[in-house]
Amino acid sequence: MHKTLINLVENRIFSTLQENKVTISKKDVDVLIIGHGSKDPNAQLSLDYVVDGLKNNYRNVNRCWLEIEQPDIVQGIKTCEKNNPQVLVIVFYFLHEGAHVKTDINNDLIPALENSSIKKAYITKHLGVDEKMIDLIIERAKEVENAD
């Protein structure tokens, strides 16, 4: 795991708050990270690492999954709703803007938000559009280079 993953997600959150002119302290912001989901039990480790790395900086940080695993998106929104967020930032933990980002997530997310009492929710862009992704790729390349 790399701290750059945490920085990448934090940068997406910061950019989204800035774009929407949200000026409250990040300690007052709730975050929900949506991952893909996998049958591999080790697949959760990366997202758990990011969630744990963000918890000290935000009011609440939760995660949910698009498919395969639980909690699903509807359950994720219900968990956030129970925390009564002033502002909820939803992070799409996806590399590319494929069908999941363009359509599938929103098919579950939009109705879940509409059926909740959450008043201010903002959705980040997917991870692949962040310049910190380049830093992560360079870090990984250096690891391979230094492995000899």
N, C-alpha and C. Protein backbone atom coordinates (compact mmCIF):
# COMPACT_ATOMS: atom_id res chain seq x y z
N MET A 1 0.84 -1.17 0.00
CA MET A 1 0.00 0.00 0.00
C MET A 1 0.89 1.24 0.00
N HIS A 2 0.39 2.28 -0.60
CA HIS A 2 1.15 3.52 -0.71
C HIS A 2 0.34 4.70 -0.19
N LYS A 3 1.03 5.56 0.52
CA LYS A 3 0.39 6.79 1.02
C LYS A 3 -0.13 7.64 -0.15
N THR A 4 0.46 7.46 -1.32
CA THR A 4 0.00 8.20 -2.49
C THR A 4 -1.46 7.90 -2.80
N LEU A 5 -1.92 6.68 -2.50
CA LEU A 5 -3.33 6.35 -2.70
C LEU A 5 -4.21 7.23 -1.82
N ILE A 6 -3.79 7.41 -0.58
CA ILE A 6 -4.54 8.29 0.33
C ILE A 6 -4.49 9.72 -0.18
N ASN A 7 -3.31 10.17 -0.60
CA ASN A 7 -3.17 11.54 -1.12
C ASN A 7 -4.03 11.75 -2.37
N LEU A 8 -4.11 10.73 -3.18
CA LEU A 8 -4.91 10.80 -4.40
C LEU A 8 -6.39 11.01 -4.07
N VAL A 9 -6.90 10.22 -3.14
CA VAL A 9 -8.30 10.36 -2.73
C VAL A 9 -8.53 11.70 -2.05
N GLU A 10 -7.59 12.09 -1.20
CA GLU A 10 -7.73 13.37 -0.51
C GLU A 10 -7.74 14.53 -1.52
N ASN A 11 -6.96 14.41 -2.56
CA ASN A 11 -6.93 15.44 -3.60
C ASN A 11 -8.27 15.51 -4.34
N ARG A 12 -8.88 14.36 -4.60
CA ARG A 12 -10.20 14.33 -5.25
C ARG A 12 -11.23 15.02 -4.35
N ILE A 13 -11.17 14.73 -3.05
CA ILE A 13 -12.11 15.35 -2.10
C ILE A 13 -11.91 16.86 -2.07
N PHE A 14 -10.66 17.29 -1.93
CA PHE A 14 -10.34 18.71 -1.87
C PHE A 14 -10.82 19.43 -3.13
N SER A 15 -10.52 18.86 -4.29
CA SER A 15 -10.93 19.48 -5.57
C SER A 15 -12.45 19.62 -5.66
N THR A 16 -13.15 18.60 -5.22
CA THR A 16 -14.61 18.62 -5.29
C THR A 16 -15.19 19.68 -4.35
N LEU A 17 -14.65 19.78 -3.15
CA LEU A 17 -15.11 20.82 -2.21
C LEU A 17 -14.82 22.20 -2.78
N GLN A 18 -13.64 22.37 -3.33
CA GLN A 18 -13.25 23.67 -3.90
C GLN A 18 -14.14 24.04 -5.09
N GLU A 19 -14.37 23.09 -6.00
CA GLU A 19 -15.20 23.35 -7.18
C GLU A 19 -16.63 23.74 -6.79
N ASN A 20 -17.10 23.20 -5.67
CA ASN A 20 -18.46 23.49 -5.22
C ASN A 20 -18.53 24.59 -4.17
N LYS A 21 -17.38 25.27 -3.98
CA LYS A 21 -17.29 26.41 -3.06
C LYS A 21 -17.74 26.06 -1.63
N VAL A 22 -17.40 24.85 -1.20
CA VAL A 22 -17.67 24.42 0.16
C VAL A 22 -16.48 24.85 1.01
N THR A 23 -16.74 25.67 2.03
CA THR A 23 -15.65 26.25 2.79
C THR A 23 -15.56 25.74 4.23
N ILE A 24 -16.37 24.78 4.61
CA ILE A 24 -16.29 24.28 5.98
C ILE A 24 -15.00 23.48 6.17
N SER A 25 -14.58 23.34 7.40
CA SER A 25 -13.40 22.56 7.72
C SER A 25 -13.59 21.11 7.29
N LYS A 26 -12.52 20.47 6.84
CA LYS A 26 -12.66 19.08 6.43
C LYS A 26 -12.98 18.18 7.62
N LYS A 27 -12.74 18.64 8.82
CA LYS A 27 -13.13 17.89 10.03
C LYS A 27 -14.65 17.82 10.17
N ASP A 28 -15.37 18.66 9.42
CA ASP A 28 -16.84 18.65 9.42
C ASP A 28 -17.43 17.96 8.20
N VAL A 29 -16.58 17.38 7.38
CA VAL A 29 -17.00 16.73 6.13
C VAL A 29 -17.04 15.22 6.32
N ASP A 30 -18.10 14.59 5.82
CA ASP A 30 -18.21 13.14 5.80
C ASP A 30 -17.82 12.65 4.41
N VAL A 31 -17.25 11.45 4.35
CA VAL A 31 -16.78 10.90 3.08
C VAL A 31 -17.32 9.47 2.93
N LEU A 32 -17.78 9.16 1.73
CA LEU A 32 -18.15 7.80 1.37
C LEU A 32 -17.36 7.42 0.13
N ILE A 33 -16.59 6.34 0.22
CA ILE A 33 -15.80 5.86 -0.91
C ILE A 33 -16.49 4.64 -1.50
N ILE A 34 -16.74 4.71 -2.81
CA ILE A 34 -17.38 3.60 -3.51
C ILE A 34 -16.34 2.86 -4.33
N GLY A 35 -16.13 1.59 -3.98
CA GLY A 35 -15.23 0.73 -4.73
C GLY A 35 -16.01 -0.25 -5.59
N HIS A 36 -15.30 -1.01 -6.39
CA HIS A 36 -15.95 -1.94 -7.30
C HIS A 36 -16.53 -3.15 -6.59
N GLY A 37 -15.73 -3.80 -5.75
CA GLY A 37 -16.11 -5.06 -5.12
C GLY A 37 -15.45 -6.21 -5.85
N SER A 38 -15.15 -7.28 -5.10
CA SER A 38 -14.44 -8.41 -5.68
C SER A 38 -14.72 -9.66 -4.87
N LYS A 39 -14.59 -10.80 -5.52
CA LYS A 39 -14.71 -12.07 -4.81
C LYS A 39 -13.43 -12.39 -4.04
N ASP A 40 -12.34 -11.73 -4.38
CA ASP A 40 -11.06 -11.94 -3.70
C ASP A 40 -11.07 -11.20 -2.36
N PRO A 41 -10.95 -11.92 -1.25
CA PRO A 41 -11.00 -11.26 0.06
C PRO A 41 -9.89 -10.25 0.28
N ASN A 42 -8.77 -10.38 -0.43
CA ASN A 42 -7.67 -9.42 -0.29
C ASN A 42 -7.94 -8.11 -1.01
N ALA A 43 -8.93 -8.08 -1.88
CA ALA A 43 -9.22 -6.88 -2.65
C ALA A 43 -9.67 -5.72 -1.76
N GLN A 44 -10.24 -6.03 -0.62
CA GLN A 44 -10.72 -4.98 0.29
C GLN A 44 -9.57 -4.23 0.95
N LEU A 45 -8.40 -4.84 1.02
CA LEU A 45 -7.28 -4.27 1.75
C LEU A 45 -6.91 -2.86 1.28
N SER A 46 -6.88 -2.66 -0.03
CA SER A 46 -6.51 -1.36 -0.56
C SER A 46 -7.49 -0.26 -0.13
N LEU A 47 -8.76 -0.55 -0.26
CA LEU A 47 -9.76 0.45 0.11
C LEU A 47 -9.79 0.66 1.63
N ASP A 48 -9.63 -0.40 2.39
CA ASP A 48 -9.57 -0.26 3.85
C ASP A 48 -8.36 0.60 4.26
N TYR A 49 -7.25 0.42 3.57
CA TYR A 49 -6.05 1.23 3.82
C TYR A 49 -6.34 2.72 3.61
N VAL A 50 -7.02 3.04 2.55
CA VAL A 50 -7.36 4.43 2.25
C VAL A 50 -8.34 4.97 3.29
N VAL A 51 -9.38 4.21 3.60
CA VAL A 51 -10.37 4.64 4.60
C VAL A 51 -9.67 4.92 5.93
N ASP A 52 -8.83 4.00 6.36
CA ASP A 52 -8.11 4.18 7.63
C ASP A 52 -7.19 5.40 7.58
N GLY A 53 -6.58 5.63 6.44
CA GLY A 53 -5.68 6.78 6.28
C GLY A 53 -6.38 8.12 6.28
N LEU A 54 -7.67 8.14 6.00
CA LEU A 54 -8.44 9.39 5.95
C LEU A 54 -9.20 9.69 7.24
N LYS A 55 -9.41 8.68 8.07
CA LYS A 55 -10.30 8.81 9.23
C LYS A 55 -9.95 9.95 10.18
N ASN A 56 -8.68 10.25 10.35
CA ASN A 56 -8.29 11.32 11.27
C ASN A 56 -8.52 12.71 10.70
N ASN A 57 -8.76 12.80 9.39
CA ASN A 57 -8.90 14.11 8.75
C ASN A 57 -10.33 14.55 8.51
N TYR A 58 -11.28 13.61 8.56
CA TYR A 58 -12.67 13.91 8.24
C TYR A 58 -13.58 13.46 9.37
N ARG A 59 -14.78 13.99 9.37
CA ARG A 59 -15.75 13.68 10.44
C ARG A 59 -16.08 12.20 10.47
N ASN A 60 -16.46 11.65 9.33
CA ASN A 60 -16.73 10.21 9.18
C ASN A 60 -16.22 9.79 7.80
N VAL A 61 -15.65 8.59 7.74
CA VAL A 61 -15.23 8.03 6.46
C VAL A 61 -15.76 6.60 6.40
N ASN A 62 -16.55 6.33 5.37
CA ASN A 62 -17.14 5.00 5.18
C ASN A 62 -16.84 4.53 3.76
N ARG A 63 -17.06 3.23 3.54
CA ARG A 63 -16.89 2.67 2.21
C ARG A 63 -18.06 1.75 1.89
N CYS A 64 -18.29 1.59 0.60
CA CYS A 64 -19.29 0.64 0.13
C CYS A 64 -18.85 0.16 -1.24
N TRP A 65 -19.64 -0.74 -1.81
CA TRP A 65 -19.23 -1.41 -3.05
C TRP A 65 -20.34 -1.33 -4.10
N LEU A 66 -19.91 -1.22 -5.34
CA LEU A 66 -20.84 -1.22 -6.47
C LEU A 66 -21.49 -2.59 -6.63
N GLU A 67 -20.70 -3.65 -6.51
CA GLU A 67 -21.23 -4.99 -6.72
C GLU A 67 -20.42 -6.02 -5.94
N ILE A 68 -20.95 -7.20 -5.84
CA ILE A 68 -20.33 -8.39 -5.26
C ILE A 68 -20.27 -8.36 -3.74
N GLU A 69 -19.78 -7.26 -3.15
CA GLU A 69 -19.58 -7.20 -1.70
C GLU A 69 -20.60 -6.30 -1.02
N GLN A 70 -20.61 -6.41 0.29
CA GLN A 70 -21.48 -5.58 1.12
C GLN A 70 -20.60 -4.72 2.03
N PRO A 71 -21.03 -3.56 2.40
CA PRO A 71 -22.32 -2.96 2.09
C PRO A 71 -22.36 -2.45 0.65
N ASP A 72 -23.55 -2.50 0.07
CA ASP A 72 -23.72 -1.97 -1.28
C ASP A 72 -23.95 -0.45 -1.18
N ILE A 73 -24.18 0.19 -2.30
CA ILE A 73 -24.31 1.65 -2.33
C ILE A 73 -25.50 2.13 -1.51
N VAL A 74 -26.63 1.47 -1.61
CA VAL A 74 -27.81 1.88 -0.84
C VAL A 74 -27.51 1.81 0.65
N GLN A 75 -26.88 0.71 1.07
CA GLN A 75 -26.52 0.57 2.49
C GLN A 75 -25.48 1.62 2.90
N GLY A 76 -24.55 1.92 2.00
CA GLY A 76 -23.54 2.94 2.28
C GLY A 76 -24.17 4.31 2.52
N ILE A 77 -25.14 4.67 1.70
CA ILE A 77 -25.84 5.95 1.87
C ILE A 77 -26.63 5.93 3.18
N LYS A 78 -27.26 4.83 3.51
CA LYS A 78 -28.01 4.74 4.77
C LYS A 78 -27.09 4.92 5.98
N THR A 79 -25.91 4.35 5.92
CA THR A 79 -24.94 4.52 7.00
C THR A 79 -24.55 5.99 7.14
N CYS A 80 -24.29 6.62 6.01
CA CYS A 80 -23.93 8.05 6.03
C CYS A 80 -25.08 8.89 6.57
N GLU A 81 -26.29 8.56 6.16
CA GLU A 81 -27.48 9.29 6.59
C GLU A 81 -27.61 9.25 8.12
N LYS A 82 -27.32 8.11 8.72
CA LYS A 82 -27.40 7.98 10.18
C LYS A 82 -26.43 8.92 10.88
N ASN A 83 -25.33 9.25 10.21
CA ASN A 83 -24.35 10.17 10.79
C ASN A 83 -24.75 11.63 10.63
N ASN A 84 -25.86 11.89 9.93
CA ASN A 84 -26.38 13.24 9.73
C ASN A 84 -25.31 14.22 9.24
N PRO A 85 -24.76 13.97 8.05
CA PRO A 85 -23.66 14.82 7.57
C PRO A 85 -24.11 16.23 7.20
N GLN A 86 -23.25 17.17 7.50
CA GLN A 86 -23.45 18.54 7.02
C GLN A 86 -23.14 18.58 5.53
N VAL A 87 -22.05 17.90 5.15
CA VAL A 87 -21.63 17.76 3.76
C VAL A 87 -21.10 16.34 3.59
N LEU A 88 -21.55 15.67 2.54
CA LEU A 88 -21.05 14.34 2.21
C LEU A 88 -20.34 14.41 0.86
N VAL A 89 -19.10 13.94 0.84
CA VAL A 89 -18.36 13.84 -0.42
C VAL A 89 -18.26 12.36 -0.76
N ILE A 90 -18.70 12.03 -1.97
CA ILE A 90 -18.72 10.65 -2.43
C ILE A 90 -17.59 10.47 -3.44
N VAL A 91 -16.69 9.55 -3.14
CA VAL A 91 -15.52 9.31 -3.97
C VAL A 91 -15.73 8.06 -4.81
N PHE A 92 -15.59 8.21 -6.12
CA PHE A 92 -15.62 7.06 -7.01
C PHE A 92 -14.20 6.50 -7.09
N TYR A 93 -13.94 5.39 -6.41
CA TYR A 93 -12.61 4.79 -6.33
C TYR A 93 -12.41 3.89 -7.55
N PHE A 94 -12.39 4.54 -8.72
CA PHE A 94 -12.26 3.85 -10.00
C PHE A 94 -11.21 4.56 -10.82
N LEU A 95 -10.45 3.80 -11.57
CA LEU A 95 -9.36 4.37 -12.36
C LEU A 95 -9.86 5.04 -13.64
N HIS A 96 -10.80 4.41 -14.33
CA HIS A 96 -11.25 4.92 -15.63
C HIS A 96 -12.72 5.33 -15.58
N GLU A 97 -13.08 6.19 -16.49
CA GLU A 97 -14.47 6.64 -16.60
C GLU A 97 -15.20 5.72 -17.58
N GLY A 98 -15.33 4.47 -17.17
CA GLY A 98 -16.05 3.49 -17.98
C GLY A 98 -17.52 3.46 -17.60
N ALA A 99 -18.16 2.38 -17.97
CA ALA A 99 -19.61 2.24 -17.75
C ALA A 99 -19.97 2.29 -16.27
N HIS A 100 -19.12 1.76 -15.41
CA HIS A 100 -19.43 1.81 -13.97
C HIS A 100 -19.52 3.26 -13.49
N VAL A 101 -18.56 4.08 -13.88
CA VAL A 101 -18.53 5.48 -13.43
C VAL A 101 -19.63 6.29 -14.12
N LYS A 102 -19.81 6.08 -15.40
CA LYS A 102 -20.79 6.86 -16.16
C LYS A 102 -22.23 6.49 -15.83
N THR A 103 -22.49 5.21 -15.59
CA THR A 103 -23.88 4.75 -15.48
C THR A 103 -24.18 3.92 -14.24
N ASP A 104 -23.43 2.83 -14.06
CA ASP A 104 -23.81 1.82 -13.07
C ASP A 104 -23.89 2.37 -11.65
N ILE A 105 -22.89 3.12 -11.23
CA ILE A 105 -22.91 3.66 -9.86
C ILE A 105 -24.12 4.57 -9.69
N ASN A 106 -24.33 5.45 -10.64
CA ASN A 106 -25.42 6.41 -10.53
C ASN A 106 -26.80 5.75 -10.52
N ASN A 107 -26.92 4.59 -11.15
CA ASN A 107 -28.21 3.87 -11.13
C ASN A 107 -28.62 3.52 -9.70
N ASP A 108 -27.64 3.27 -8.84
CA ASP A 108 -27.92 2.98 -7.42
C ASP A 108 -27.80 4.23 -6.56
N LEU A 109 -26.80 5.06 -6.86
CA LEU A 109 -26.48 6.20 -6.00
C LEU A 109 -27.54 7.29 -6.04
N ILE A 110 -27.97 7.70 -7.21
CA ILE A 110 -28.92 8.82 -7.32
C ILE A 110 -30.23 8.52 -6.59
N PRO A 111 -30.87 7.36 -6.81
CA PRO A 111 -32.10 7.07 -6.05
C PRO A 111 -31.84 6.98 -4.54
N ALA A 112 -30.68 6.41 -4.15
CA ALA A 112 -30.38 6.29 -2.72
C ALA A 112 -30.26 7.68 -2.09
N LEU A 113 -29.61 8.60 -2.78
CA LEU A 113 -29.49 9.97 -2.26
C LEU A 113 -30.85 10.66 -2.23
N GLU A 114 -31.64 10.48 -3.28
CA GLU A 114 -32.96 11.11 -3.34
C GLU A 114 -33.87 10.60 -2.22
N ASN A 115 -33.70 9.35 -1.82
CA ASN A 115 -34.53 8.76 -0.77
C ASN A 115 -33.95 8.97 0.63
N SER A 116 -32.88 9.72 0.72
CA SER A 116 -32.24 9.97 2.01
C SER A 116 -32.54 11.40 2.47
N SER A 117 -32.14 11.68 3.69
CA SER A 117 -32.30 13.04 4.23
C SER A 117 -31.03 13.86 4.05
N ILE A 118 -30.05 13.33 3.33
CA ILE A 118 -28.79 14.05 3.10
C ILE A 118 -29.05 15.21 2.16
N LYS A 119 -28.71 16.41 2.64
CA LYS A 119 -29.02 17.62 1.86
C LYS A 119 -27.90 18.05 0.93
N LYS A 120 -26.65 17.90 1.36
CA LYS A 120 -25.52 18.35 0.53
C LYS A 120 -24.58 17.18 0.29
N ALA A 121 -24.63 16.66 -0.92
CA ALA A 121 -23.73 15.58 -1.32
C ALA A 121 -23.06 15.98 -2.63
N TYR A 122 -21.76 15.75 -2.68
CA TYR A 122 -20.97 16.08 -3.86
C TYR A 122 -20.20 14.84 -4.28
N ILE A 123 -20.10 14.65 -5.58
CA ILE A 123 -19.45 13.46 -6.12
C ILE A 123 -18.14 13.88 -6.79
N THR A 124 -17.06 13.16 -6.44
CA THR A 124 -15.77 13.46 -7.04
C THR A 124 -15.68 12.88 -8.44
N LYS A 125 -14.67 13.31 -9.15
CA LYS A 125 -14.32 12.64 -10.39
C LYS A 125 -13.60 11.34 -10.01
N HIS A 126 -13.56 10.41 -10.93
CA HIS A 126 -12.84 9.16 -10.68
C HIS A 126 -11.35 9.44 -10.48
N LEU A 127 -10.61 8.48 -9.97
CA LEU A 127 -9.22 8.69 -9.61
C LEU A 127 -8.29 8.95 -10.79
N GLY A 128 -8.56 8.38 -11.92
CA GLY A 128 -7.66 8.47 -13.06
C GLY A 128 -7.42 9.86 -13.59
N VAL A 129 -8.27 10.83 -13.23
CA VAL A 129 -8.10 12.18 -13.75
C VAL A 129 -7.18 13.03 -12.86
N ASP A 130 -6.65 12.46 -11.79
CA ASP A 130 -5.84 13.22 -10.86
C ASP A 130 -4.36 13.11 -11.22
N GLU A 131 -3.65 14.23 -11.19
CA GLU A 131 -2.23 14.23 -11.53
C GLU A 131 -1.41 13.38 -10.56
N LYS A 132 -1.90 13.17 -9.35
CA LYS A 132 -1.18 12.34 -8.38
C LYS A 132 -1.10 10.89 -8.85
N MET A 133 -1.93 10.53 -9.81
CA MET A 133 -1.87 9.18 -10.37
C MET A 133 -0.50 8.97 -11.02
N ILE A 134 0.05 10.00 -11.62
CA ILE A 134 1.38 9.92 -12.22
C ILE A 134 2.42 9.63 -11.15
N ASP A 135 2.30 10.30 -9.99
CA ASP A 135 3.22 10.06 -8.87
C ASP A 135 3.17 8.59 -8.45
N LEU A 136 1.98 8.05 -8.37
CA LEU A 136 1.83 6.66 -7.96
C LEU A 136 2.49 5.71 -8.97
N ILE A 137 2.30 5.97 -10.23
CA ILE A 137 2.91 5.13 -11.27
C ILE A 137 4.43 5.21 -11.19
N ILE A 138 4.96 6.40 -10.99
CA ILE A 138 6.42 6.57 -10.87
C ILE A 138 6.94 5.84 -9.64
N GLU A 139 6.23 5.95 -8.52
CA GLU A 139 6.64 5.23 -7.31
C GLU A 139 6.70 3.73 -7.55
N ARG A 140 5.68 3.21 -8.19
CA ARG A 140 5.63 1.77 -8.46
C ARG A 140 6.76 1.36 -9.41
N ALA A 141 7.05 2.17 -10.41
CA ALA A 141 8.14 1.87 -11.36
C ALA A 141 9.48 1.86 -10.63
N LYS A 142 9.69 2.80 -9.72
CA LYS A 142 10.94 2.84 -8.96
C LYS A 142 11.10 1.62 -8.08
N GLU A 143 9.99 1.14 -7.53
CA GLU A 143 10.05 -0.08 -6.71
C GLU A 143 10.55 -1.26 -7.52
N VAL A 144 10.05 -1.39 -8.73
CA VAL A 144 10.47 -2.49 -9.60
C VAL A 144 11.94 -2.30 -9.98
N GLU A 145 12.30 -1.08 -10.30
CA GLU A 145 13.67 -0.75 -10.69
C GLU A 145 14.64 -1.06 -9.55
N ASN A 146 14.25 -0.78 -8.32
CA ASN A 146 15.12 -0.99 -7.16
C ASN A 146 15.06 -2.41 -6.62
N ALA A 147 14.19 -3.24 -7.16
CA ALA A 147 14.04 -4.61 -6.66
C ALA A 147 15.26 -5.48 -7.01
N ASP A 148 16.03 -5.07 -7.99
CA ASP A 148 17.20 -5.87 -8.40
C ASP A 148 18.27 -5.71 -7.43
